[in-house]
Amino acid sequence: FKRDFNKIFNMTPKQWLKERRLKEAYYLIKNKDKRPSDIYLDLGFENLSHFYFSFKQKFGVTTTKV
């Protein structure tokens, strides 16, 4: 499964899932005025600091700059 997935999406399933979660977070924060502390658990992140770190790493800005 992993090899086939990697061939199609050019990333591992774990990376794909994390990317989807972060894109959803960006959408919720920017368009729905949600706070990170309200959504990080629903999106599958275990703690808020990991969410903040991943968000900044992906988008290059903090959640308050969105």
PDB file of N, CA and C in Angstrom:
ATOM      1  N   PHE A   1       0.815  -1.199   0.000  1.00  0.00           N
ATOM      2  CA  PHE A   1       0.000   0.000   0.000  1.00  0.00           C
ATOM      3  C   PHE A   1       0.859   1.264   0.000  1.00  0.00           C
ATOM      4  N   LYS A   2       1.870   1.283   0.878  1.00  0.00           N
ATOM      5  CA  LYS A   2       2.715   2.473   0.984  1.00  0.00           C
ATOM      6  C   LYS A   2       3.441   2.783  -0.319  1.00  0.00           C
ATOM      7  N   ARG A   3       3.950   1.749  -0.976  1.00  0.00           N
ATOM      8  CA  ARG A   3       4.663   1.975  -2.235  1.00  0.00           C
ATOM      9  C   ARG A   3       3.731   2.521  -3.307  1.00  0.00           C
ATOM     10  N   ASP A   4       2.558   1.942  -3.422  1.00  0.00           N
ATOM     11  CA  ASP A   4       1.595   2.415  -4.417  1.00  0.00           C
ATOM     12  C   ASP A   4       1.149   3.843  -4.104  1.00  0.00           C
ATOM     13  N   PHE A   5       0.893   4.108  -2.834  1.00  0.00           N
ATOM     14  CA  PHE A   5       0.484   5.445  -2.405  1.00  0.00           C
ATOM     15  C   PHE A   5       1.567   6.461  -2.733  1.00  0.00           C
ATOM     16  N   ASN A   6       2.806   6.100  -2.444  1.00  0.00           N
ATOM     17  CA  ASN A   6       3.942   6.987  -2.698  1.00  0.00           C
ATOM     18  C   ASN A   6       4.102   7.271  -4.193  1.00  0.00           C
ATOM     19  N   LYS A   7       3.854   6.274  -5.021  1.00  0.00           N
ATOM     20  CA  LYS A   7       3.954   6.477  -6.473  1.00  0.00           C
ATOM     21  C   LYS A   7       2.894   7.457  -6.966  1.00  0.00           C
ATOM     22  N   ILE A   8       1.705   7.370  -6.403  1.00  0.00           N
ATOM     23  CA  ILE A   8       0.599   8.212  -6.855  1.00  0.00           C
ATOM     24  C   ILE A   8       0.717   9.638  -6.324  1.00  0.00           C
ATOM     25  N   PHE A   9       0.970   9.774  -5.021  1.00  0.00           N
ATOM     26  CA  PHE A   9       0.939  11.089  -4.388  1.00  0.00           C
ATOM     27  C   PHE A   9       2.319  11.683  -4.117  1.00  0.00           C
ATOM     28  N   ASN A  10       3.358  10.904  -4.350  1.00  0.00           N
ATOM     29  CA  ASN A  10       4.729  11.348  -4.148  1.00  0.00           C
ATOM     30  C   ASN A  10       5.006  11.763  -2.693  1.00  0.00           C
ATOM     31  N   MET A  11       4.328  11.098  -1.759  1.00  0.00           N
ATOM     32  CA  MET A  11       4.560  11.291  -0.324  1.00  0.00           C
ATOM     33  C   MET A  11       3.954  10.103   0.417  1.00  0.00           C
ATOM     34  N   THR A  12       4.364   9.947   1.655  1.00  0.00           N
ATOM     35  CA  THR A  12       3.846   8.834   2.447  1.00  0.00           C
ATOM     36  C   THR A  12       2.419   9.143   2.900  1.00  0.00           C
ATOM     37  N   PRO A  13       1.663   8.122   3.273  1.00  0.00           N
ATOM     38  CA  PRO A  13       0.312   8.372   3.784  1.00  0.00           C
ATOM     39  C   PRO A  13       0.313   9.295   5.010  1.00  0.00           C
ATOM     40  N   LYS A  14       1.289   9.168   5.855  1.00  0.00           N
ATOM     41  CA  LYS A  14       1.386  10.014   7.046  1.00  0.00           C
ATOM     42  C   LYS A  14       1.592  11.484   6.655  1.00  0.00           C
ATOM     43  N   GLN A  15       2.474  11.722   5.702  1.00  0.00           N
ATOM     44  CA  GLN A  15       2.711  13.089   5.231  1.00  0.00           C
ATOM     45  C   GLN A  15       1.470  13.656   4.564  1.00  0.00           C
ATOM     46  N   TRP A  16       0.783  12.840   3.782  1.00  0.00           N
ATOM     47  CA  TRP A  16      -0.426  13.268   3.094  1.00  0.00           C
ATOM     48  C   TRP A  16      -1.502  13.673   4.091  1.00  0.00           C
ATOM     49  N   LEU A  17      -1.689  12.839   5.111  1.00  0.00           N
ATOM     50  CA  LEU A  17      -2.697  13.111   6.123  1.00  0.00           C
ATOM     51  C   LEU A  17      -2.376  14.390   6.897  1.00  0.00           C
ATOM     52  N   LYS A  18      -1.122  14.568   7.261  1.00  0.00           N
ATOM     53  CA  LYS A  18      -0.715  15.777   7.980  1.00  0.00           C
ATOM     54  C   LYS A  18      -0.946  17.011   7.121  1.00  0.00           C
ATOM     55  N   GLU A  19      -0.645  16.918   5.839  1.00  0.00           N
ATOM     56  CA  GLU A  19      -0.854  18.039   4.927  1.00  0.00           C
ATOM     57  C   GLU A  19      -2.335  18.389   4.822  1.00  0.00           C
ATOM     58  N   ARG A  20      -3.179  17.385   4.718  1.00  0.00           N
ATOM     59  CA  ARG A  20      -4.633  17.614   4.652  1.00  0.00           C
ATOM     60  C   ARG A  20      -5.134  18.290   5.924  1.00  0.00           C
ATOM     61  N   ARG A  21      -4.649  17.820   7.062  1.00  0.00           N
ATOM     62  CA  ARG A  21      -5.056  18.408   8.339  1.00  0.00           C
ATOM     63  C   ARG A  21      -4.640  19.874   8.437  1.00  0.00           C
ATOM     64  N   LEU A  22      -3.439  20.176   7.994  1.00  0.00           N
ATOM     65  CA  LEU A  22      -2.957  21.553   8.062  1.00  0.00           C
ATOM     66  C   LEU A  22      -3.704  22.465   7.089  1.00  0.00           C
ATOM     67  N   LYS A  23      -4.043  21.964   5.915  1.00  0.00           N
ATOM     68  CA  LYS A  23      -4.821  22.761   4.967  1.00  0.00           C
ATOM     69  C   LYS A  23      -6.211  23.050   5.524  1.00  0.00           C
ATOM     70  N   GLU A  24      -6.801  22.069   6.174  1.00  0.00           N
ATOM     71  CA  GLU A  24      -8.099  22.281   6.804  1.00  0.00           C
ATOM     72  C   GLU A  24      -7.993  23.298   7.929  1.00  0.00           C
ATOM     73  N   ALA A  25      -6.930  23.228   8.705  1.00  0.00           N
ATOM     74  CA  ALA A  25      -6.707  24.195   9.784  1.00  0.00           C
ATOM     75  C   ALA A  25      -6.573  25.597   9.218  1.00  0.00           C
ATOM     76  N   TYR A  26      -5.813  25.747   8.154  1.00  0.00           N
ATOM     77  CA  TYR A  26      -5.643  27.062   7.517  1.00  0.00           C
ATOM     78  C   TYR A  26      -6.994  27.617   7.080  1.00  0.00           C
ATOM     79  N   TYR A  27      -7.791  26.778   6.456  1.00  0.00           N
ATOM     80  CA  TYR A  27      -9.114  27.192   6.011  1.00  0.00           C
ATOM     81  C   TYR A  27      -9.983  27.629   7.192  1.00  0.00           C
ATOM     82  N   LEU A  28     -10.013  26.822   8.243  1.00  0.00           N
ATOM     83  CA  LEU A  28     -10.854  27.139   9.403  1.00  0.00           C
ATOM     84  C   LEU A  28     -10.418  28.422  10.097  1.00  0.00           C
ATOM     85  N   ILE A  29      -9.126  28.627  10.202  1.00  0.00           N
ATOM     86  CA  ILE A  29      -8.615  29.826  10.870  1.00  0.00           C
ATOM     87  C   ILE A  29      -8.872  31.069  10.022  1.00  0.00           C
ATOM     88  N   LYS A  30      -8.605  30.971   8.743  1.00  0.00           N
ATOM     89  CA  LYS A  30      -8.732  32.145   7.868  1.00  0.00           C
ATOM     90  C   LYS A  30     -10.180  32.479   7.534  1.00  0.00           C
ATOM     91  N   ASN A  31     -10.966  31.482   7.171  1.00  0.00           N
ATOM     92  CA  ASN A  31     -12.312  31.738   6.657  1.00  0.00           C
ATOM     93  C   ASN A  31     -13.427  31.608   7.684  1.00  0.00           C
ATOM     94  N   LYS A  32     -13.220  30.803   8.705  1.00  0.00           N
ATOM     95  CA  LYS A  32     -14.276  30.570   9.685  1.00  0.00           C
ATOM     96  C   LYS A  32     -13.977  31.206  11.040  1.00  0.00           C
ATOM     97  N   ASP A  33     -12.877  31.932  11.119  1.00  0.00           N
ATOM     98  CA  ASP A  33     -12.475  32.623  12.350  1.00  0.00           C
ATOM     99  C   ASP A  33     -12.409  31.697  13.567  1.00  0.00           C
ATOM    100  N   LYS A  34     -11.931  30.489  13.350  1.00  0.00           N
ATOM    101  CA  LYS A  34     -11.752  29.537  14.454  1.00  0.00           C
ATOM    102  C   LYS A  34     -10.417  29.782  15.127  1.00  0.00           C
ATOM    103  N   ARG A  35     -10.347  29.491  16.398  1.00  0.00           N
ATOM    104  CA  ARG A  35      -9.091  29.603  17.136  1.00  0.00           C
ATOM    105  C   ARG A  35      -8.372  28.263  17.098  1.00  0.00           C
ATOM    106  N   PRO A  36      -7.050  28.268  17.006  1.00  0.00           N
ATOM    107  CA  PRO A  36      -6.286  27.016  16.985  1.00  0.00           C
ATOM    108  C   PRO A  36      -6.586  26.126  18.188  1.00  0.00           C
ATOM    109  N   SER A  37      -6.774  26.723  19.341  1.00  0.00           N
ATOM    110  CA  SER A  37      -7.039  25.928  20.541  1.00  0.00           C
ATOM    111  C   SER A  37      -8.387  25.208  20.463  1.00  0.00           C
ATOM    112  N   ASP A  38      -9.273  25.662  19.590  1.00  0.00           N
ATOM    113  CA  ASP A  38     -10.577  25.015  19.427  1.00  0.00           C
ATOM    114  C   ASP A  38     -10.567  23.893  18.395  1.00  0.00           C
ATOM    115  N   ILE A  39      -9.593  23.895  17.504  1.00  0.00           N
ATOM    116  CA  ILE A  39      -9.644  22.944  16.383  1.00  0.00           C
ATOM    117  C   ILE A  39      -8.533  21.903  16.361  1.00  0.00           C
ATOM    118  N   TYR A  40      -7.455  22.121  17.095  1.00  0.00           N
ATOM    119  CA  TYR A  40      -6.303  21.224  16.926  1.00  0.00           C
ATOM    120  C   TYR A  40      -6.634  19.770  17.261  1.00  0.00           C
ATOM    121  N   LEU A  41      -7.442  19.529  18.282  1.00  0.00           N
ATOM    122  CA  LEU A  41      -7.801  18.149  18.628  1.00  0.00           C
ATOM    123  C   LEU A  41      -8.707  17.523  17.572  1.00  0.00           C
ATOM    124  N   ASP A  42      -9.644  18.295  17.062  1.00  0.00           N
ATOM    125  CA  ASP A  42     -10.553  17.791  16.026  1.00  0.00           C
ATOM    126  C   ASP A  42      -9.807  17.408  14.750  1.00  0.00           C
ATOM    127  N   LEU A  43      -8.690  18.073  14.508  1.00  0.00           N
ATOM    128  CA  LEU A  43      -7.909  17.798  13.301  1.00  0.00           C
ATOM    129  C   LEU A  43      -6.896  16.669  13.491  1.00  0.00           C
ATOM    130  N   GLY A  44      -6.781  16.152  14.702  1.00  0.00           N
ATOM    131  CA  GLY A  44      -5.925  14.996  14.935  1.00  0.00           C
ATOM    132  C   GLY A  44      -4.558  15.293  15.504  1.00  0.00           C
ATOM    133  N   PHE A  45      -4.327  16.520  15.953  1.00  0.00           N
ATOM    134  CA  PHE A  45      -3.050  16.843  16.585  1.00  0.00           C
ATOM    135  C   PHE A  45      -3.154  16.553  18.076  1.00  0.00           C
ATOM    136  N   GLU A  46      -2.088  15.992  18.627  1.00  0.00           N
ATOM    137  CA  GLU A  46      -2.129  15.572  20.023  1.00  0.00           C
ATOM    138  C   GLU A  46      -2.001  16.724  21.006  1.00  0.00           C
ATOM    139  N   ASN A  47      -1.224  17.726  20.646  1.00  0.00           N
ATOM    140  CA  ASN A  47      -1.102  18.878  21.537  1.00  0.00           C
ATOM    141  C   ASN A  47      -0.963  20.154  20.729  1.00  0.00           C
ATOM    142  N   LEU A  48      -1.235  21.249  21.389  1.00  0.00           N
ATOM    143  CA  LEU A  48      -1.281  22.544  20.715  1.00  0.00           C
ATOM    144  C   LEU A  48       0.091  22.989  20.224  1.00  0.00           C
ATOM    145  N   SER A  49       1.134  22.702  20.991  1.00  0.00           N
ATOM    146  CA  SER A  49       2.469  23.134  20.567  1.00  0.00           C
ATOM    147  C   SER A  49       2.907  22.410  19.298  1.00  0.00           C
ATOM    148  N   HIS A  50       2.566  21.143  19.167  1.00  0.00           N
ATOM    149  CA  HIS A  50       2.886  20.398  17.943  1.00  0.00           C
ATOM    150  C   HIS A  50       2.115  20.981  16.763  1.00  0.00           C
ATOM    151  N   PHE A  51       0.876  21.355  16.992  1.00  0.00           N
ATOM    152  CA  PHE A  51       0.081  21.981  15.943  1.00  0.00           C
ATOM    153  C   PHE A  51       0.711  23.291  15.489  1.00  0.00           C
ATOM    154  N   TYR A  52       1.072  24.154  16.440  1.00  0.00           N
ATOM    155  CA  TYR A  52       1.700  25.440  16.101  1.00  0.00           C
ATOM    156  C   TYR A  52       2.993  25.239  15.312  1.00  0.00           C
ATOM    157  N   PHE A  53       3.818  24.297  15.770  1.00  0.00           N
ATOM    158  CA  PHE A  53       5.091  24.023  15.102  1.00  0.00           C
ATOM    159  C   PHE A  53       4.849  23.546  13.667  1.00  0.00           C
ATOM    160  N   SER A  54       3.945  22.602  13.484  1.00  0.00           N
ATOM    161  CA  SER A  54       3.660  22.058  12.156  1.00  0.00           C
ATOM    162  C   SER A  54       3.069  23.116  11.234  1.00  0.00           C
ATOM    163  N   PHE A  55       2.193  23.950  11.766  1.00  0.00           N
ATOM    164  CA  PHE A  55       1.567  25.003  10.981  1.00  0.00           C
ATOM    165  C   PHE A  55       2.602  25.992  10.471  1.00  0.00           C
ATOM    166  N   LYS A  56       3.471  26.436  11.370  1.00  0.00           N
ATOM    167  CA  LYS A  56       4.505  27.394  10.968  1.00  0.00           C
ATOM    168  C   LYS A  56       5.477  26.768   9.975  1.00  0.00           C
ATOM    169  N   GLN A  57       5.813  25.507  10.175  1.00  0.00           N
ATOM    170  CA  GLN A  57       6.725  24.811   9.267  1.00  0.00           C
ATOM    171  C   GLN A  57       6.105  24.689   7.867  1.00  0.00           C
ATOM    172  N   LYS A  58       4.823  24.430   7.778  1.00  0.00           N
ATOM    173  CA  LYS A  58       4.151  24.257   6.491  1.00  0.00           C
ATOM    174  C   LYS A  58       3.917  25.581   5.777  1.00  0.00           C
ATOM    175  N   PHE A  59       3.406  26.587   6.480  1.00  0.00           N
ATOM    176  CA  PHE A  59       2.995  27.833   5.843  1.00  0.00           C
ATOM    177  C   PHE A  59       3.961  28.982   6.024  1.00  0.00           C
ATOM    178  N   GLY A  60       4.921  28.850   6.919  1.00  0.00           N
ATOM    179  CA  GLY A  60       5.918  29.894   7.108  1.00  0.00           C
ATOM    180  C   GLY A  60       5.453  31.065   7.950  1.00  0.00           C
ATOM    181  N   VAL A  61       4.241  30.994   8.462  1.00  0.00           N
ATOM    182  CA  VAL A  61       3.710  32.046   9.336  1.00  0.00           C
ATOM    183  C   VAL A  61       2.997  31.393  10.519  1.00  0.00           C
ATOM    184  N   THR A  62       2.847  32.153  11.583  1.00  0.00           N
ATOM    185  CA  THR A  62       2.108  31.635  12.728  1.00  0.00           C
ATOM    186  C   THR A  62       0.603  31.727  12.448  1.00  0.00           C
ATOM    187  N   THR A  63      -0.181  31.099  13.290  1.00  0.00           N
ATOM    188  CA  THR A  63      -1.625  31.096  13.088  1.00  0.00           C
ATOM    189  C   THR A  63      -2.220  32.494  13.259  1.00  0.00           C
ATOM    190  N   THR A  64      -1.578  33.358  13.989  1.00  0.00           N
ATOM    191  CA  THR A  64      -2.108  34.701  14.170  1.00  0.00           C
ATOM    192  C   THR A  64      -1.875  35.588  12.947  1.00  0.00           C
ATOM    193  N   LYS A  65      -0.964  35.224  12.072  1.00  0.00           N
ATOM    194  CA  LYS A  65      -0.652  36.018  10.880  1.00  0.00           C
ATOM    195  C   LYS A  65      -1.520  35.640   9.674  1.00  0.00           C
ATOM    196  N   VAL A  66      -2.354  34.643   9.827  1.00  0.00           N
ATOM    197  CA  VAL A  66      -3.186  34.156   8.709  1.00  0.00           C
ATOM    198  C   VAL A  66      -4.303  35.069   8.448  1.00  0.00           C
TER     199      VAL A  66
END
